[in-house]
Amino acid sequence: MSALPAAAEQALETFSQPISWEQRARLLMAWGEQLEPLTDDERSEPNRVDGCESLVWLVGHFSEGHWQFRASGDARLIRGLLALLLVRVNGLPADELSTLDLAAWFSQLGLARHLSPSRTNGLQAVLTRMRELTLNAPR
């Protein structure tokens, strides 16, 4: 497994500060505001992730042996969680993406205990969809 991407290191540094949940939630929403918006075409049914209570869309692009994903959701906290997932997975080769431990990542960030089971399941659904895209994509 390679070192964390620079953006993931930055997320770890930011979220590992001893702050309250309210401060962490505001920080999470701020991270979500940094997501590159999806176009109306990208926010379509084929790109919608099943298994999320909120509406979540995911698109992926394979280039030079690595995956780049973009995502959006209809809820501010979800967009923040998606942003943190994306900084962890973007740039990974498919084999590393297939072994990523989502729970460990959000534990490292100090967020796991604040995630409801439905949010955890939704994030897992996004990661599962990413893995499906890597398996089904033409090379």
C-alpha atoms as a PDB file:
ATOM      1  CA  MET A   1       0.000   0.000   0.000  1.00  0.00           C
ATOM      2  CA  SER A   2       1.395   3.378  -0.966  1.00  0.00           C
ATOM      3  CA  ALA A   3       1.582   6.479   1.199  1.00  0.00           C
ATOM      4  CA  LEU A   4      -1.518   8.574   1.650  1.00  0.00           C
ATOM      5  CA  PRO A   5      -2.232  11.153  -1.043  1.00  0.00           C
ATOM      6  CA  ALA A   6      -1.308  14.702   0.005  1.00  0.00           C
ATOM      7  CA  ALA A   7      -4.961  15.753   0.290  1.00  0.00           C
ATOM      8  CA  ALA A   8      -5.656  12.776   2.580  1.00  0.00           C
ATOM      9  CA  GLU A   9      -2.690  13.769   4.767  1.00  0.00           C
ATOM     10  CA  GLN A  10      -4.119  17.282   4.963  1.00  0.00           C
ATOM     11  CA  ALA A  11      -7.526  15.880   5.975  1.00  0.00           C
ATOM     12  CA  LEU A  12      -5.915  13.787   8.714  1.00  0.00           C
ATOM     13  CA  GLU A  13      -4.021  16.782  10.031  1.00  0.00           C
ATOM     14  CA  THR A  14      -7.137  18.952   9.990  1.00  0.00           C
ATOM     15  CA  PHE A  15      -9.542  16.471  11.557  1.00  0.00           C
ATOM     16  CA  SER A  16      -7.131  15.104  14.162  1.00  0.00           C
ATOM     17  CA  GLN A  17      -7.206  18.410  16.068  1.00  0.00           C
ATOM     18  CA  PRO A  18      -8.956  18.185  19.446  1.00  0.00           C
ATOM     19  CA  ILE A  19     -12.193  19.957  18.535  1.00  0.00           C
ATOM     20  CA  SER A  20     -15.848  19.459  19.448  1.00  0.00           C
ATOM     21  CA  TRP A  21     -18.315  17.597  17.269  1.00  0.00           C
ATOM     22  CA  GLU A  22     -20.023  20.896  16.377  1.00  0.00           C
ATOM     23  CA  GLN A  23     -16.705  22.327  15.134  1.00  0.00           C
ATOM     24  CA  ARG A  24     -15.956  19.078  13.317  1.00  0.00           C
ATOM     25  CA  ALA A  25     -19.392  19.143  11.649  1.00  0.00           C
ATOM     26  CA  ARG A  26     -18.831  22.726  10.427  1.00  0.00           C
ATOM     27  CA  LEU A  27     -15.411  21.697   9.138  1.00  0.00           C
ATOM     28  CA  LEU A  28     -16.945  18.697   7.407  1.00  0.00           C
ATOM     29  CA  MET A  29     -19.527  20.894   5.669  1.00  0.00           C
ATOM     30  CA  ALA A  30     -16.758  23.287   4.579  1.00  0.00           C
ATOM     31  CA  TRP A  31     -14.879  20.373   2.997  1.00  0.00           C
ATOM     32  CA  GLY A  32     -18.072  19.422   1.165  1.00  0.00           C
ATOM     33  CA  GLU A  33     -18.350  22.904  -0.310  1.00  0.00           C
ATOM     34  CA  GLN A  34     -14.979  22.337  -2.011  1.00  0.00           C
ATOM     35  CA  LEU A  35     -16.290  19.465  -4.138  1.00  0.00           C
ATOM     36  CA  GLU A  36     -16.258  20.146  -7.852  1.00  0.00           C
ATOM     37  CA  PRO A  37     -19.930  20.382  -8.849  1.00  0.00           C
ATOM     38  CA  LEU A  38     -21.374  17.692 -11.074  1.00  0.00           C
ATOM     39  CA  THR A  39     -23.190  18.711 -14.236  1.00  0.00           C
ATOM     40  CA  ASP A  40     -26.909  18.051 -14.653  1.00  0.00           C
ATOM     41  CA  ASP A  41     -26.005  15.173 -16.990  1.00  0.00           C
ATOM     42  CA  GLU A  42     -23.711  13.680 -14.337  1.00  0.00           C
ATOM     43  CA  ARG A  43     -26.463  13.993 -11.719  1.00  0.00           C
ATOM     44  CA  SER A  44     -28.459  11.388 -13.608  1.00  0.00           C
ATOM     45  CA  GLU A  45     -30.003   8.093 -12.615  1.00  0.00           C
ATOM     46  CA  PRO A  46     -27.181   5.921 -14.063  1.00  0.00           C
ATOM     47  CA  ASN A  47     -24.689   7.733 -11.789  1.00  0.00           C
ATOM     48  CA  ARG A  48     -26.867   7.590  -8.676  1.00  0.00           C
ATOM     49  CA  VAL A  49     -25.518   5.355  -5.910  1.00  0.00           C
ATOM     50  CA  ASP A  50     -28.018   2.816  -4.593  1.00  0.00           C
ATOM     51  CA  GLY A  51     -27.911   2.155  -0.865  1.00  0.00           C
ATOM     52  CA  CYS A  52     -27.717   5.770   0.294  1.00  0.00           C
ATOM     53  CA  GLU A  53     -30.594   7.416   2.140  1.00  0.00           C
ATOM     54  CA  SER A  54     -29.572  10.750   0.638  1.00  0.00           C
ATOM     55  CA  LEU A  55     -29.246  11.266  -3.078  1.00  0.00           C
ATOM     56  CA  VAL A  56     -25.622  10.625  -4.046  1.00  0.00           C
ATOM     57  CA  TRP A  57     -24.090  10.616  -7.502  1.00  0.00           C
ATOM     58  CA  LEU A  58     -20.674   9.266  -8.473  1.00  0.00           C
ATOM     59  CA  VAL A  59     -18.625   9.469 -11.651  1.00  0.00           C
ATOM     60  CA  GLY A  60     -15.183   8.008 -12.234  1.00  0.00           C
ATOM     61  CA  HIS A  61     -12.412   8.412 -14.769  1.00  0.00           C
ATOM     62  CA  PHE A  62      -9.447   6.072 -15.338  1.00  0.00           C
ATOM     63  CA  SER A  63      -6.235   7.646 -16.582  1.00  0.00           C
ATOM     64  CA  GLU A  64      -2.622   6.496 -16.555  1.00  0.00           C
ATOM     65  CA  GLY A  65      -3.298   3.579 -14.220  1.00  0.00           C
ATOM     66  CA  HIS A  66      -5.183   5.562 -11.573  1.00  0.00           C
ATOM     67  CA  TRP A  67      -8.771   6.408 -10.780  1.00  0.00           C
ATOM     68  CA  GLN A  68     -10.217   9.874 -10.234  1.00  0.00           C
ATOM     69  CA  PHE A  69     -13.719  10.118  -8.856  1.00  0.00           C
ATOM     70  CA  ARG A  70     -16.134  12.994  -8.434  1.00  0.00           C
ATOM     71  CA  ALA A  71     -19.250  12.870  -6.332  1.00  0.00           C
ATOM     72  CA  SER A  72     -22.042  14.972  -4.957  1.00  0.00           C
ATOM     73  CA  GLY A  73     -24.953  14.555  -2.609  1.00  0.00           C
ATOM     74  CA  ASP A  74     -28.085  16.429  -1.664  1.00  0.00           C
ATOM     75  CA  ALA A  75     -27.102  16.914   2.008  1.00  0.00           C
ATOM     76  CA  ARG A  76     -24.298  19.146   3.327  1.00  0.00           C
ATOM     77  CA  LEU A  77     -22.853  16.598   5.764  1.00  0.00           C
ATOM     78  CA  ILE A  78     -22.935  13.904   3.094  1.00  0.00           C
ATOM     79  CA  ARG A  79     -21.008  16.148   0.686  1.00  0.00           C
ATOM     80  CA  GLY A  80     -18.377  16.621   3.407  1.00  0.00           C
ATOM     81  CA  LEU A  81     -18.099  12.885   3.985  1.00  0.00           C
ATOM     82  CA  LEU A  82     -17.852  12.335   0.231  1.00  0.00           C
ATOM     83  CA  ALA A  83     -15.071  14.926   0.027  1.00  0.00           C
ATOM     84  CA  LEU A  84     -13.126  13.046   2.706  1.00  0.00           C
ATOM     85  CA  LEU A  85     -13.678   9.748   0.933  1.00  0.00           C
ATOM     86  CA  LEU A  86     -12.526  11.241  -2.376  1.00  0.00           C
ATOM     87  CA  VAL A  87      -9.287  12.651  -0.949  1.00  0.00           C
ATOM     88  CA  ARG A  88      -8.502   9.157   0.303  1.00  0.00           C
ATOM     89  CA  VAL A  89      -9.269   7.234  -2.908  1.00  0.00           C
ATOM     90  CA  ASN A  90      -8.459   9.573  -5.781  1.00  0.00           C
ATOM     91  CA  GLY A  91      -5.293   8.544  -7.547  1.00  0.00           C
ATOM     92  CA  LEU A  92      -5.269   4.994  -6.222  1.00  0.00           C
ATOM     93  CA  PRO A  93      -4.749   2.072  -8.556  1.00  0.00           C
ATOM     94  CA  ALA A  94      -7.717  -0.328  -8.687  1.00  0.00           C
ATOM     95  CA  ASP A  95      -5.969  -2.976  -6.553  1.00  0.00           C
ATOM     96  CA  GLU A  96      -5.504  -0.525  -3.648  1.00  0.00           C
ATOM     97  CA  LEU A  97      -9.054   0.725  -3.994  1.00  0.00           C
ATOM     98  CA  SER A  98     -10.298  -2.849  -3.677  1.00  0.00           C
ATOM     99  CA  THR A  99      -8.594  -3.255  -0.282  1.00  0.00           C
ATOM    100  CA  LEU A 100      -9.350   0.155   1.240  1.00  0.00           C
ATOM    101  CA  ASP A 101     -10.689  -0.075   4.802  1.00  0.00           C
ATOM    102  CA  LEU A 102     -13.358   2.619   4.921  1.00  0.00           C
ATOM    103  CA  ALA A 103     -14.041   2.235   8.650  1.00  0.00           C
ATOM    104  CA  ALA A 104     -10.343   2.634   9.454  1.00  0.00           C
ATOM    105  CA  TRP A 105     -10.138   5.823   7.359  1.00  0.00           C
ATOM    106  CA  PHE A 106     -13.048   7.475   9.150  1.00  0.00           C
ATOM    107  CA  SER A 107     -11.682   6.261  12.495  1.00  0.00           C
ATOM    108  CA  GLN A 108      -8.343   7.904  11.708  1.00  0.00           C
ATOM    109  CA  LEU A 109     -10.232  11.108  11.002  1.00  0.00           C
ATOM    110  CA  GLY A 110     -12.034  10.858  14.344  1.00  0.00           C
ATOM    111  CA  LEU A 111     -15.414  10.705  12.630  1.00  0.00           C
ATOM    112  CA  ALA A 112     -16.407   7.035  12.853  1.00  0.00           C
ATOM    113  CA  ARG A 113     -18.140   7.310  16.215  1.00  0.00           C
ATOM    114  CA  HIS A 114     -20.264  10.186  14.896  1.00  0.00           C
ATOM    115  CA  LEU A 115     -21.525   8.325  11.838  1.00  0.00           C
ATOM    116  CA  SER A 116     -24.958   6.748  12.062  1.00  0.00           C
ATOM    117  CA  PRO A 117     -25.320   3.206  10.733  1.00  0.00           C
ATOM    118  CA  SER A 118     -27.243   4.548   7.724  1.00  0.00           C
ATOM    119  CA  ARG A 119     -24.452   7.030   6.867  1.00  0.00           C
ATOM    120  CA  THR A 120     -21.835   4.319   7.301  1.00  0.00           C
ATOM    121  CA  ASN A 121     -23.846   2.027   5.012  1.00  0.00           C
ATOM    122  CA  GLY A 122     -24.236   4.827   2.479  1.00  0.00           C
ATOM    123  CA  LEU A 123     -20.498   5.523   2.417  1.00  0.00           C
ATOM    124  CA  GLN A 124     -19.854   1.814   2.020  1.00  0.00           C
ATOM    125  CA  ALA A 125     -22.291   1.815  -0.923  1.00  0.00           C
ATOM    126  CA  VAL A 126     -20.282   4.635  -2.539  1.00  0.00           C
ATOM    127  CA  LEU A 127     -17.038   2.700  -2.079  1.00  0.00           C
ATOM    128  CA  THR A 128     -18.686  -0.447  -3.463  1.00  0.00           C
ATOM    129  CA  ARG A 129     -19.831   1.533  -6.510  1.00  0.00           C
ATOM    130  CA  MET A 130     -16.271   2.826  -6.984  1.00  0.00           C
ATOM    131  CA  ARG A 131     -14.994  -0.734  -6.920  1.00  0.00           C
ATOM    132  CA  GLU A 132     -17.657  -1.790  -9.448  1.00  0.00           C
ATOM    133  CA  LEU A 133     -16.612   1.016 -11.774  1.00  0.00           C
ATOM    134  CA  THR A 134     -12.976  -0.100 -11.593  1.00  0.00           C
ATOM    135  CA  LEU A 135     -13.912  -3.684 -12.415  1.00  0.00           C
ATOM    136  CA  ASN A 136     -16.283  -2.876 -15.283  1.00  0.00           C
ATOM    137  CA  ALA A 137     -14.348  -0.082 -16.972  1.00  0.00           C
ATOM    138  CA  PRO A 138     -12.703  -0.619 -20.346  1.00  0.00           C
ATOM    139  CA  ARG A 139      -8.919  -0.162 -20.270  1.00  0.00           C
END
